[in-house]
Amino acid sequence: LIGIGIGVGYVGVTLYELRRDVLAGVFFVLLLAGLAAGFTEIVVFFGLAQPVEGFLSFAPGGQAEMTVLAIVAGADLGFVIVHHLTRIMVVITGAPIAARIFRVRERRREEDKA
């Protein structure tokens, strides 16, 4: 019944919409994984963490899931958790600031056009 309830929400979705959304999702997963790999290389280069710990610390995903992966992989749990908590705090505090900055820039562009 739960699956039917969820599936009903997708009635009428075209193949184009499905393809567009899936490709966008794949693109963002690859982009975020690439960024995580890049930051992992930096952290490992400076000797701040092992590769697995570095990747789990910067990889996108839920904190609970990354914590479980860190436990299973034998990574430094504190290192991974602190990085994810820091990421959450930066996003929570930084998103409103970034939104305000972008709105100000957008208003200036509109005023310049007028």
PDB file of N, CA and C in Angstrom:
ATOM      1  N   LEU A   1       0.801  -1.196   0.000  1.00  0.00           N
ATOM      2  CA  LEU A   1       0.000   0.000   0.000  1.00  0.00           C
ATOM      3  C   LEU A   1       0.848   1.266   0.000  1.00  0.00           C
ATOM      4  N   ILE A   2       1.954   1.227   0.712  1.00  0.00           N
ATOM      5  CA  ILE A   2       2.819   2.409   0.747  1.00  0.00           C
ATOM      6  C   ILE A   2       3.376   2.682  -0.645  1.00  0.00           C
ATOM      7  N   GLY A   3       3.817   1.642  -1.332  1.00  0.00           N
ATOM      8  CA  GLY A   3       4.353   1.802  -2.685  1.00  0.00           C
ATOM      9  C   GLY A   3       3.323   2.347  -3.650  1.00  0.00           C
ATOM     10  N   ILE A   4       2.089   1.895  -3.509  1.00  0.00           N
ATOM     11  CA  ILE A   4       1.023   2.401  -4.373  1.00  0.00           C
ATOM     12  C   ILE A   4       0.803   3.879  -4.103  1.00  0.00           C
ATOM     13  N   GLY A   5       0.793   4.244  -2.828  1.00  0.00           N
ATOM     14  CA  GLY A   5       0.599   5.653  -2.465  1.00  0.00           C
ATOM     15  C   GLY A   5       1.694   6.544  -3.008  1.00  0.00           C
ATOM     16  N   ILE A   6       2.916   6.066  -2.969  1.00  0.00           N
ATOM     17  CA  ILE A   6       4.034   6.849  -3.507  1.00  0.00           C
ATOM     18  C   ILE A   6       3.961   6.889  -5.031  1.00  0.00           C
ATOM     19  N   GLY A   7       3.683   5.755  -5.651  1.00  0.00           N
ATOM     20  CA  GLY A   7       3.641   5.671  -7.108  1.00  0.00           C
ATOM     21  C   GLY A   7       2.565   6.532  -7.733  1.00  0.00           C
ATOM     22  N   VAL A   8       1.447   6.701  -7.055  1.00  0.00           N
ATOM     23  CA  VAL A   8       0.357   7.520  -7.583  1.00  0.00           C
ATOM     24  C   VAL A   8       0.815   8.957  -7.794  1.00  0.00           C
ATOM     25  N   GLY A   9       1.753   9.409  -6.985  1.00  0.00           N
ATOM     26  CA  GLY A   9       2.264  10.775  -7.137  1.00  0.00           C
ATOM     27  C   GLY A   9       3.022  10.990  -8.433  1.00  0.00           C
ATOM     28  N   TYR A  10       3.434   9.907  -9.084  1.00  0.00           N
ATOM     29  CA  TYR A  10       4.213  10.027 -10.315  1.00  0.00           C
ATOM     30  C   TYR A  10       3.387   9.789 -11.573  1.00  0.00           C
ATOM     31  N   VAL A  11       2.099   9.668 -11.445  1.00  0.00           N
ATOM     32  CA  VAL A  11       1.229   9.484 -12.607  1.00  0.00           C
ATOM     33  C   VAL A  11       1.298  10.744 -13.458  1.00  0.00           C
ATOM     34  N   GLY A  12       1.525  10.563 -14.751  1.00  0.00           N
ATOM     35  CA  GLY A  12       1.579  11.702 -15.659  1.00  0.00           C
ATOM     36  C   GLY A  12       2.973  12.244 -15.892  1.00  0.00           C
ATOM     37  N   VAL A  13       3.984  11.702 -15.235  1.00  0.00           N
ATOM     38  CA  VAL A  13       5.358  12.145 -15.459  1.00  0.00           C
ATOM     39  C   VAL A  13       5.809  11.620 -16.812  1.00  0.00           C
ATOM     40  N   THR A  14       6.326  12.508 -17.632  1.00  0.00           N
ATOM     41  CA  THR A  14       6.759  12.106 -18.972  1.00  0.00           C
ATOM     42  C   THR A  14       8.157  11.506 -18.924  1.00  0.00           C
ATOM     43  N   LEU A  15       8.500  10.797 -19.983  1.00  0.00           N
ATOM     44  CA  LEU A  15       9.829  10.208 -20.083  1.00  0.00           C
ATOM     45  C   LEU A  15      10.893  11.299 -20.107  1.00  0.00           C
ATOM     46  N   TYR A  16      10.591  12.430 -20.745  1.00  0.00           N
ATOM     47  CA  TYR A  16      11.526  13.559 -20.780  1.00  0.00           C
ATOM     48  C   TYR A  16      11.810  14.072 -19.366  1.00  0.00           C
ATOM     49  N   GLU A  17      10.763  14.250 -18.567  1.00  0.00           N
ATOM     50  CA  GLU A  17      10.944  14.739 -17.199  1.00  0.00           C
ATOM     51  C   GLU A  17      11.745  13.747 -16.369  1.00  0.00           C
ATOM     52  N   LEU A  18      11.443  12.479 -16.522  1.00  0.00           N
ATOM     53  CA  LEU A  18      12.157  11.443 -15.792  1.00  0.00           C
ATOM     54  C   LEU A  18      13.631  11.430 -16.181  1.00  0.00           C
ATOM     55  N   ARG A  19      13.911  11.468 -17.481  1.00  0.00           N
ATOM     56  CA  ARG A  19      15.289  11.469 -17.967  1.00  0.00           C
ATOM     57  C   ARG A  19      16.042  12.699 -17.464  1.00  0.00           C
ATOM     58  N   ARG A  20      15.412  13.869 -17.545  1.00  0.00           N
ATOM     59  CA  ARG A  20      16.043  15.116 -17.111  1.00  0.00           C
ATOM     60  C   ARG A  20      16.399  15.061 -15.627  1.00  0.00           C
ATOM     61  N   ASP A  21      15.466  14.604 -14.803  1.00  0.00           N
ATOM     62  CA  ASP A  21      15.698  14.575 -13.364  1.00  0.00           C
ATOM     63  C   ASP A  21      16.732  13.526 -12.966  1.00  0.00           C
ATOM     64  N   VAL A  22      16.676  12.363 -13.600  1.00  0.00           N
ATOM     65  CA  VAL A  22      17.653  11.319 -13.287  1.00  0.00           C
ATOM     66  C   VAL A  22      19.051  11.756 -13.714  1.00  0.00           C
ATOM     67  N   LEU A  23      19.172  12.345 -14.902  1.00  0.00           N
ATOM     68  CA  LEU A  23      20.483  12.814 -15.358  1.00  0.00           C
ATOM     69  C   LEU A  23      21.019  13.933 -14.467  1.00  0.00           C
ATOM     70  N   ALA A  24      20.152  14.828 -14.014  1.00  0.00           N
ATOM     71  CA  ALA A  24      20.584  15.881 -13.094  1.00  0.00           C
ATOM     72  C   ALA A  24      21.069  15.265 -11.788  1.00  0.00           C
ATOM     73  N   GLY A  25      20.364  14.260 -11.299  1.00  0.00           N
ATOM     74  CA  GLY A  25      20.779  13.582 -10.071  1.00  0.00           C
ATOM     75  C   GLY A  25      22.124  12.899 -10.222  1.00  0.00           C
ATOM     76  N   VAL A  26      22.314  12.203 -11.331  1.00  0.00           N
ATOM     77  CA  VAL A  26      23.596  11.531 -11.589  1.00  0.00           C
ATOM     78  C   VAL A  26      24.716  12.560 -11.689  1.00  0.00           C
ATOM     79  N   PHE A  27      24.463  13.673 -12.374  1.00  0.00           N
ATOM     80  CA  PHE A  27      25.466  14.727 -12.502  1.00  0.00           C
ATOM     81  C   PHE A  27      25.873  15.263 -11.131  1.00  0.00           C
ATOM     82  N   PHE A  28      24.903  15.553 -10.275  1.00  0.00           N
ATOM     83  CA  PHE A  28      25.231  16.106  -8.966  1.00  0.00           C
ATOM     84  C   PHE A  28      25.937  15.090  -8.076  1.00  0.00           C
ATOM     85  N   VAL A  29      25.572  13.822  -8.175  1.00  0.00           N
ATOM     86  CA  VAL A  29      26.271  12.791  -7.408  1.00  0.00           C
ATOM     87  C   VAL A  29      27.732  12.730  -7.841  1.00  0.00           C
ATOM     88  N   LEU A  30      27.970  12.731  -9.151  1.00  0.00           N
ATOM     89  CA  LEU A  30      29.347  12.688  -9.651  1.00  0.00           C
ATOM     90  C   LEU A  30      30.116  13.948  -9.267  1.00  0.00           C
ATOM     91  N   LEU A  31      29.463  15.097  -9.340  1.00  0.00           N
ATOM     92  CA  LEU A  31      30.102  16.356  -8.956  1.00  0.00           C
ATOM     93  C   LEU A  31      30.496  16.344  -7.483  1.00  0.00           C
ATOM     94  N   LEU A  32      29.577  15.954  -6.610  1.00  0.00           N
ATOM     95  CA  LEU A  32      29.869  15.938  -5.178  1.00  0.00           C
ATOM     96  C   LEU A  32      30.898  14.870  -4.825  1.00  0.00           C
ATOM     97  N   ALA A  33      30.846  13.721  -5.492  1.00  0.00           N
ATOM     98  CA  ALA A  33      31.855  12.685  -5.252  1.00  0.00           C
ATOM     99  C   ALA A  33      33.227  13.169  -5.706  1.00  0.00           C
ATOM    100  N   GLY A  34      33.275  13.888  -6.824  1.00  0.00           N
ATOM    101  CA  GLY A  34      34.542  14.455  -7.292  1.00  0.00           C
ATOM    102  C   GLY A  34      35.097  15.486  -6.324  1.00  0.00           C
ATOM    103  N   LEU A  35      34.226  16.347  -5.807  1.00  0.00           N
ATOM    104  CA  LEU A  35      34.671  17.325  -4.809  1.00  0.00           C
ATOM    105  C   LEU A  35      35.172  16.628  -3.549  1.00  0.00           C
ATOM    106  N   ALA A  36      34.457  15.596  -3.114  1.00  0.00           N
ATOM    107  CA  ALA A  36      34.887  14.844  -1.935  1.00  0.00           C
ATOM    108  C   ALA A  36      36.245  14.194  -2.181  1.00  0.00           C
ATOM    109  N   ALA A  37      36.429  13.643  -3.366  1.00  0.00           N
ATOM    110  CA  ALA A  37      37.718  13.023  -3.700  1.00  0.00           C
ATOM    111  C   ALA A  37      38.829  14.065  -3.729  1.00  0.00           C
ATOM    112  N   GLY A  38      38.535  15.248  -4.257  1.00  0.00           N
ATOM    113  CA  GLY A  38      39.534  16.318  -4.287  1.00  0.00           C
ATOM    114  C   GLY A  38      39.944  16.758  -2.896  1.00  0.00           C
ATOM    115  N   PHE A  39      38.965  16.973  -2.028  1.00  0.00           N
ATOM    116  CA  PHE A  39      39.286  17.356  -0.654  1.00  0.00           C
ATOM    117  C   PHE A  39      39.997  16.225   0.083  1.00  0.00           C
ATOM    118  N   THR A  40      39.640  14.985  -0.240  1.00  0.00           N
ATOM    119  CA  THR A  40      40.324  13.843   0.360  1.00  0.00           C
ATOM    120  C   THR A  40      41.799  13.853  -0.012  1.00  0.00           C
ATOM    121  N   GLU A  41      42.091  14.127  -1.280  1.00  0.00           N
ATOM    122  CA  GLU A  41      43.488  14.192  -1.716  1.00  0.00           C
ATOM    123  C   GLU A  41      44.259  15.264  -0.950  1.00  0.00           C
ATOM    124  N   ILE A  42      43.636  16.408  -0.732  1.00  0.00           N
ATOM    125  CA  ILE A  42      44.295  17.495   0.005  1.00  0.00           C
ATOM    126  C   ILE A  42      44.573  17.072   1.441  1.00  0.00           C
ATOM    127  N   VAL A  43      43.571  16.477   2.086  1.00  0.00           N
ATOM    128  CA  VAL A  43      43.717  16.065   3.482  1.00  0.00           C
ATOM    129  C   VAL A  43      44.787  14.983   3.613  1.00  0.00           C
ATOM    130  N   VAL A  44      44.787  14.032   2.710  1.00  0.00           N
ATOM    131  CA  VAL A  44      45.783  12.954   2.744  1.00  0.00           C
ATOM    132  C   VAL A  44      47.172  13.508   2.435  1.00  0.00           C
ATOM    133  N   PHE A  45      47.271  14.431   1.486  1.00  0.00           N
ATOM    134  CA  PHE A  45      48.556  15.027   1.123  1.00  0.00           C
ATOM    135  C   PHE A  45      49.211  15.692   2.327  1.00  0.00           C
ATOM    136  N   PHE A  46      48.416  16.396   3.120  1.00  0.00           N
ATOM    137  CA  PHE A  46      48.959  17.075   4.297  1.00  0.00           C
ATOM    138  C   PHE A  46      49.067  16.160   5.512  1.00  0.00           C
ATOM    139  N   GLY A  47      48.705  14.897   5.353  1.00  0.00           N
ATOM    140  CA  GLY A  47      48.841  13.928   6.431  1.00  0.00           C
ATOM    141  C   GLY A  47      47.845  14.110   7.563  1.00  0.00           C
ATOM    142  N   LEU A  48      46.698  14.703   7.263  1.00  0.00           N
ATOM    143  CA  LEU A  48      45.707  14.966   8.302  1.00  0.00           C
ATOM    144  C   LEU A  48      44.774  13.786   8.545  1.00  0.00           C
ATOM    145  N   ALA A  49      44.666  12.890   7.578  1.00  0.00           N
ATOM    146  CA  ALA A  49      43.775  11.734   7.731  1.00  0.00           C
ATOM    147  C   ALA A  49      44.142  10.665   6.720  1.00  0.00           C
ATOM    148  N   GLN A  50      43.651   9.474   6.975  1.00  0.00           N
ATOM    149  CA  GLN A  50      43.787   8.377   6.033  1.00  0.00           C
ATOM    150  C   GLN A  50      42.761   8.571   4.910  1.00  0.00           C
ATOM    151  N   PRO A  51      42.973   7.955   3.753  1.00  0.00           N
ATOM    152  CA  PRO A  51      42.050   8.157   2.627  1.00  0.00           C
ATOM    153  C   PRO A  51      40.585   7.821   2.930  1.00  0.00           C
ATOM    154  N   VAL A  52      40.332   6.711   3.606  1.00  0.00           N
ATOM    155  CA  VAL A  52      38.945   6.327   3.889  1.00  0.00           C
ATOM    156  C   VAL A  52      38.286   7.351   4.805  1.00  0.00           C
ATOM    157  N   GLU A  53      38.995   7.772   5.844  1.00  0.00           N
ATOM    158  CA  GLU A  53      38.451   8.776   6.763  1.00  0.00           C
ATOM    159  C   GLU A  53      38.193  10.089   6.041  1.00  0.00           C
ATOM    160  N   GLY A  54      39.135  10.483   5.198  1.00  0.00           N
ATOM    161  CA  GLY A  54      38.977  11.729   4.464  1.00  0.00           C
ATOM    162  C   GLY A  54      37.777  11.697   3.544  1.00  0.00           C
ATOM    163  N   PHE A  55      37.624  10.596   2.805  1.00  0.00           N
ATOM    164  CA  PHE A  55      36.496  10.524   1.873  1.00  0.00           C
ATOM    165  C   PHE A  55      35.167  10.482   2.611  1.00  0.00           C
ATOM    166  N   LEU A  56      35.080   9.689   3.671  1.00  0.00           N
ATOM    167  CA  LEU A  56      33.829   9.624   4.430  1.00  0.00           C
ATOM    168  C   LEU A  56      33.500  10.958   5.087  1.00  0.00           C
ATOM    169  N   SER A  57      34.513  11.733   5.406  1.00  0.00           N
ATOM    170  CA  SER A  57      34.286  13.031   6.036  1.00  0.00           C
ATOM    171  C   SER A  57      33.715  14.050   5.069  1.00  0.00           C
ATOM    172  N   PHE A  58      34.111  13.982   3.822  1.00  0.00           N
ATOM    173  CA  PHE A  58      33.681  14.979   2.837  1.00  0.00           C
ATOM    174  C   PHE A  58      32.605  14.472   1.887  1.00  0.00           C
ATOM    175  N   ALA A  59      32.304  13.187   1.925  1.00  0.00           N
ATOM    176  CA  ALA A  59      31.305  12.622   1.020  1.00  0.00           C
ATOM    177  C   ALA A  59      29.910  13.111   1.390  1.00  0.00           C
ATOM    178  N   PRO A  60      29.091  13.378   0.371  1.00  0.00           N
ATOM    179  CA  PRO A  60      27.719  13.794   0.667  1.00  0.00           C
ATOM    180  C   PRO A  60      26.916  12.611   1.195  1.00  0.00           C
ATOM    181  N   GLY A  61      26.046  12.893   2.092  1.00  0.00           N
ATOM    182  CA  GLY A  61      25.202  11.841   2.647  1.00  0.00           C
ATOM    183  C   GLY A  61      24.763  12.205   4.043  1.00  0.00           C
ATOM    184  N   GLY A  62      23.874  11.428   4.569  1.00  0.00           N
ATOM    185  CA  GLY A  62      23.378  11.681   5.916  1.00  0.00           C
ATOM    186  C   GLY A  62      24.431  11.361   6.957  1.00  0.00           C
ATOM    187  N   GLN A  63      24.352  12.078   8.060  1.00  0.00           N
ATOM    188  CA  GLN A  63      25.329  11.865   9.124  1.00  0.00           C
ATOM    189  C   GLN A  63      25.225  10.448   9.682  1.00  0.00           C
ATOM    190  N   ALA A  64      24.021   9.960   9.859  1.00  0.00           N
ATOM    191  CA  ALA A  64      23.848   8.615  10.411  1.00  0.00           C
ATOM    192  C   ALA A  64      24.455   7.560   9.483  1.00  0.00           C
ATOM    193  N   GLU A  65      24.229   7.720   8.191  1.00  0.00           N
ATOM    194  CA  GLU A  65      24.759   6.746   7.235  1.00  0.00           C
ATOM    195  C   GLU A  65      26.281   6.779   7.197  1.00  0.00           C
ATOM    196  N   MET A  66      26.847   7.979   7.209  1.00  0.00           N
ATOM    197  CA  MET A  66      28.308   8.093   7.182  1.00  0.00           C
ATOM    198  C   MET A  66      28.923   7.577   8.480  1.00  0.00           C
ATOM    199  N   THR A  67      28.210   7.738   9.592  1.00  0.00           N
ATOM    200  CA  THR A  67      28.691   7.209  10.866  1.00  0.00           C
ATOM    201  C   THR A  67      28.741   5.688  10.816  1.00  0.00           C
ATOM    202  N   VAL A  68      27.697   5.074  10.290  1.00  0.00           N
ATOM    203  CA  VAL A  68      27.671   3.613  10.166  1.00  0.00           C
ATOM    204  C   VAL A  68      28.784   3.146   9.237  1.00  0.00           C
ATOM    205  N   LEU A  69      28.966   3.834   8.110  1.00  0.00           N
ATOM    206  CA  LEU A  69      30.052   3.463   7.190  1.00  0.00           C
ATOM    207  C   LEU A  69      31.414   3.615   7.856  1.00  0.00           C
ATOM    208  N   ALA A  70      31.593   4.661   8.662  1.00  0.00           N
ATOM    209  CA  ALA A  70      32.866   4.862   9.354  1.00  0.00           C
ATOM    210  C   ALA A  70      33.124   3.734  10.348  1.00  0.00           C
ATOM    211  N   ILE A  71      32.087   3.305  11.055  1.00  0.00           N
ATOM    212  CA  ILE A  71      32.245   2.197  12.001  1.00  0.00           C
ATOM    213  C   ILE A  71      32.620   0.925  11.259  1.00  0.00           C
ATOM    214  N   VAL A  72      31.904   0.632  10.181  1.00  0.00           N
ATOM    215  CA  VAL A  72      32.160  -0.589   9.406  1.00  0.00           C
ATOM    216  C   VAL A  72      33.557  -0.562   8.795  1.00  0.00           C
ATOM    217  N   ALA A  73      33.991   0.617   8.303  1.00  0.00           N
ATOM    218  CA  ALA A  73      35.297   0.729   7.651  1.00  0.00           C
ATOM    219  C   ALA A  73      36.441   0.834   8.651  1.00  0.00           C
ATOM    220  N   GLY A  74      36.118   1.006   9.922  1.00  0.00           N
ATOM    221  CA  GLY A  74      37.163   1.144  10.931  1.00  0.00           C
ATOM    222  C   GLY A  74      37.840   2.500  10.892  1.00  0.00           C
ATOM    223  N   ALA A  75      37.146   3.503  10.373  1.00  0.00           N
ATOM    224  CA  ALA A  75      37.702   4.857  10.284  1.00  0.00           C
ATOM    225  C   ALA A  75      37.557   5.563  11.631  1.00  0.00           C
ATOM    226  N   ASP A  76      38.269   6.676  11.774  1.00  0.00           N
ATOM    227  CA  ASP A  76      38.196   7.486  12.984  1.00  0.00           C
ATOM    228  C   ASP A  76      36.811   8.122  13.048  1.00  0.00           C
ATOM    229  N   LEU A  77      35.990   7.611  13.942  1.00  0.00           N
ATOM    230  CA  LEU A  77      34.597   8.035  14.034  1.00  0.00           C
ATOM    231  C   LEU A  77      34.472   9.513  14.388  1.00  0.00           C
ATOM    232  N   GLY A  78      35.286   9.970  15.313  1.00  0.00           N
ATOM    233  CA  GLY A  78      35.240  11.375  15.719  1.00  0.00           C
ATOM    234  C   GLY A  78      35.547  12.313  14.565  1.00  0.00           C
ATOM    235  N   PHE A  79      36.535  11.970  13.773  1.00  0.00           N
ATOM    236  CA  PHE A  79      36.933  12.791  12.626  1.00  0.00           C
ATOM    237  C   PHE A  79      35.782  12.927  11.634  1.00  0.00           C
ATOM    238  N   VAL A  80      35.139  11.817  11.327  1.00  0.00           N
ATOM    239  CA  VAL A  80      34.040  11.816  10.360  1.00  0.00           C
ATOM    240  C   VAL A  80      32.849  12.600  10.905  1.00  0.00           C
ATOM    241  N   ILE A  81      32.483  12.366  12.155  1.00  0.00           N
ATOM    242  CA  ILE A  81      31.319  13.038  12.741  1.00  0.00           C
ATOM    243  C   ILE A  81      31.540  14.537  12.848  1.00  0.00           C
ATOM    244  N   VAL A  82      32.721  14.953  13.294  1.00  0.00           N
ATOM    245  CA  VAL A  82      32.990  16.393  13.427  1.00  0.00           C
ATOM    246  C   VAL A  82      32.883  17.086  12.071  1.00  0.00           C
ATOM    247  N   HIS A  83      33.394  16.462  11.023  1.00  0.00           N
ATOM    248  CA  HIS A  83      33.299  17.080   9.701  1.00  0.00           C
ATOM    249  C   HIS A  83      31.850  17.194   9.225  1.00  0.00           C
ATOM    250  N   HIS A  84      31.048  16.175   9.483  1.00  0.00           N
ATOM    251  CA  HIS A  84      29.652  16.248   9.049  1.00  0.00           C
ATOM    252  C   HIS A  84      28.860  17.253   9.877  1.00  0.00           C
ATOM    253  N   LEU A  85      29.126  17.324  11.173  1.00  0.00           N
ATOM    254  CA  LEU A  85      28.449  18.332  11.995  1.00  0.00           C
ATOM    255  C   LEU A  85      28.854  19.740  11.567  1.00  0.00           C
ATOM    256  N   THR A  86      30.125  19.917  11.242  1.00  0.00           N
ATOM    257  CA  THR A  86      30.594  21.219  10.763  1.00  0.00           C
ATOM    258  C   THR A  86      29.918  21.576   9.444  1.00  0.00           C
ATOM    259  N   ARG A  87      29.804  20.604   8.569  1.00  0.00           N
ATOM    260  CA  ARG A  87      29.134  20.840   7.279  1.00  0.00           C
ATOM    261  C   ARG A  87      27.688  21.268   7.492  1.00  0.00           C
ATOM    262  N   ILE A  88      27.001  20.586   8.396  1.00  0.00           N
ATOM    263  CA  ILE A  88      25.609  20.930   8.676  1.00  0.00           C
ATOM    264  C   ILE A  88      25.509  22.353   9.221  1.00  0.00           C
ATOM    265  N   MET A  89      26.387  22.709  10.141  1.00  0.00           N
ATOM    266  CA  MET A  89      26.355  24.058  10.722  1.00  0.00           C
ATOM    267  C   MET A  89      26.668  25.122   9.671  1.00  0.00           C
ATOM    268  N   VAL A  90      27.627  24.857   8.811  1.00  0.00           N
ATOM    269  CA  VAL A  90      27.977  25.823   7.760  1.00  0.00           C
ATOM    270  C   VAL A  90      26.804  26.012   6.800  1.00  0.00           C
ATOM    271  N   VAL A  91      26.138  24.929   6.445  1.00  0.00           N
ATOM    272  CA  VAL A  91      24.998  25.038   5.529  1.00  0.00           C
ATOM    273  C   VAL A  91      23.845  25.780   6.197  1.00  0.00           C
ATOM    274  N   ILE A  92      23.561  25.455   7.445  1.00  0.00           N
ATOM    275  CA  ILE A  92      22.442  26.097   8.140  1.00  0.00           C
ATOM    276  C   ILE A  92      22.685  27.587   8.316  1.00  0.00           C
ATOM    277  N   THR A  93      23.913  27.969   8.645  1.00  0.00           N
ATOM    278  CA  THR A  93      24.196  29.398   8.831  1.00  0.00           C
ATOM    279  C   THR A  93      24.530  30.094   7.519  1.00  0.00           C
ATOM    280  N   GLY A  94      25.129  29.389   6.595  1.00  0.00           N
ATOM    281  CA  GLY A  94      25.572  30.019   5.353  1.00  0.00           C
ATOM    282  C   GLY A  94      24.508  30.151   4.283  1.00  0.00           C
ATOM    283  N   ALA A  95      23.537  29.259   4.257  1.00  0.00           N
ATOM    284  CA  ALA A  95      22.510  29.305   3.213  1.00  0.00           C
ATOM    285  C   ALA A  95      21.697  30.598   3.248  1.00  0.00           C
ATOM    286  N   PRO A  96      21.221  31.049   4.400  1.00  0.00           N
ATOM    287  CA  PRO A  96      20.483  32.320   4.408  1.00  0.00           C
ATOM    288  C   PRO A  96      21.344  33.509   3.992  1.00  0.00           C
ATOM    289  N   ILE A  97      22.599  33.488   4.385  1.00  0.00           N
ATOM    290  CA  ILE A  97      23.511  34.576   4.003  1.00  0.00           C
ATOM    291  C   ILE A  97      23.715  34.575   2.493  1.00  0.00           C
ATOM    292  N   ALA A  98      23.965  33.399   1.929  1.00  0.00           N
ATOM    293  CA  ALA A  98      24.158  33.298   0.479  1.00  0.00           C
ATOM    294  C   ALA A  98      22.891  33.699  -0.268  1.00  0.00           C
ATOM    295  N   ALA A  99      21.733  33.291   0.231  1.00  0.00           N
ATOM    296  CA  ALA A  99      20.475  33.654  -0.422  1.00  0.00           C
ATOM    297  C   ALA A  99      20.287  35.163  -0.417  1.00  0.00           C
ATOM    298  N   ARG A 100      20.605  35.796   0.687  1.00  0.00           N
ATOM    299  CA  ARG A 100      20.467  37.253   0.766  1.00  0.00           C
ATOM    300  C   ARG A 100      21.429  37.941  -0.202  1.00  0.00           C
ATOM    301  N   ILE A 101      22.665  37.463  -0.271  1.00  0.00           N
ATOM    302  CA  ILE A 101      23.654  38.061  -1.182  1.00  0.00           C
ATOM    303  C   ILE A 101      23.186  37.931  -2.629  1.00  0.00           C
ATOM    304  N   PHE A 102      22.698  36.747  -3.000  1.00  0.00           N
ATOM    305  CA  PHE A 102      22.251  36.546  -4.380  1.00  0.00           C
ATOM    306  C   PHE A 102      21.023  37.385  -4.695  1.00  0.00           C
ATOM    307  N   ARG A 103      20.128  37.569  -3.722  1.00  0.00           N
ATOM    308  CA  ARG A 103      18.958  38.424  -3.951  1.00  0.00           C
ATOM    309  C   ARG A 103      19.371  39.862  -4.175  1.00  0.00           C
ATOM    310  N   VAL A 104      20.353  40.341  -3.400  1.00  0.00           N
ATOM    311  CA  VAL A 104      20.838  41.717  -3.564  1.00  0.00           C
ATOM    312  C   VAL A 104      21.436  41.892  -4.948  1.00  0.00           C
ATOM    313  N   ARG A 105      22.238  40.950  -5.392  1.00  0.00           N
ATOM    314  CA  ARG A 105      22.841  41.037  -6.728  1.00  0.00           C
ATOM    315  C   ARG A 105      21.773  41.006  -7.810  1.00  0.00           C
ATOM    316  N   GLU A 106      20.761  40.167  -7.615  1.00  0.00           N
ATOM    317  CA  GLU A 106      19.688  40.069  -8.602  1.00  0.00           C
ATOM    318  C   GLU A 106      18.917  41.386  -8.679  1.00  0.00           C
ATOM    319  N   ARG A 107      18.659  41.999  -7.533  1.00  0.00           N
ATOM    320  CA  ARG A 107      17.957  43.292  -7.527  1.00  0.00           C
ATOM    321  C   ARG A 107      18.780  44.360  -8.235  1.00  0.00           C
ATOM    322  N   ARG A 108      20.085  44.360  -8.006  1.00  0.00           N
ATOM    323  CA  ARG A 108      20.945  45.354  -8.662  1.00  0.00           C
ATOM    324  C   ARG A 108      20.906  45.185 -10.175  1.00  0.00           C
ATOM    325  N   ARG A 109      20.923  43.944 -10.642  1.00  0.00           N
ATOM    326  CA  ARG A 109      20.851  43.695 -12.084  1.00  0.00           C
ATOM    327  C   ARG A 109      19.529  44.192 -12.655  1.00  0.00           C
ATOM    328  N   GLU A 110      18.450  43.958 -11.929  1.00  0.00           N
ATOM    329  CA  GLU A 110      17.139  44.410 -12.394  1.00  0.00           C
ATOM    330  C   GLU A 110      17.070  45.932 -12.420  1.00  0.00           C
ATOM    331  N   GLU A 111      17.679  46.594 -11.417  1.00  0.00           N
ATOM    332  CA  GLU A 111      17.686  48.056 -11.381  1.00  0.00           C
ATOM    333  C   GLU A 111      18.525  48.622 -12.516  1.00  0.00           C
ATOM    334  N   ASP A 112      19.633  47.957 -12.833  1.00  0.00           N
ATOM    335  CA  ASP A 112      20.494  48.418 -13.927  1.00  0.00           C
ATOM    336  C   ASP A 112      19.790  48.297 -15.277  1.00  0.00           C
ATOM    337  N   LYS A 113      18.953  47.277 -15.428  1.00  0.00           N
ATOM    338  CA  LYS A 113      18.223  47.084 -16.678  1.00  0.00           C
ATOM    339  C   LYS A 113      17.127  48.131 -16.858  1.00  0.00           C
ATOM    340  N   ALA A 114      16.575  48.579 -15.745  1.00  0.00           N
ATOM    341  CA  ALA A 114      15.440  49.527 -15.816  1.00  0.00           C
ATOM    342  C   ALA A 114      15.847  50.929 -16.144  1.00  0.00           C
TER     343      ALA A 114
END
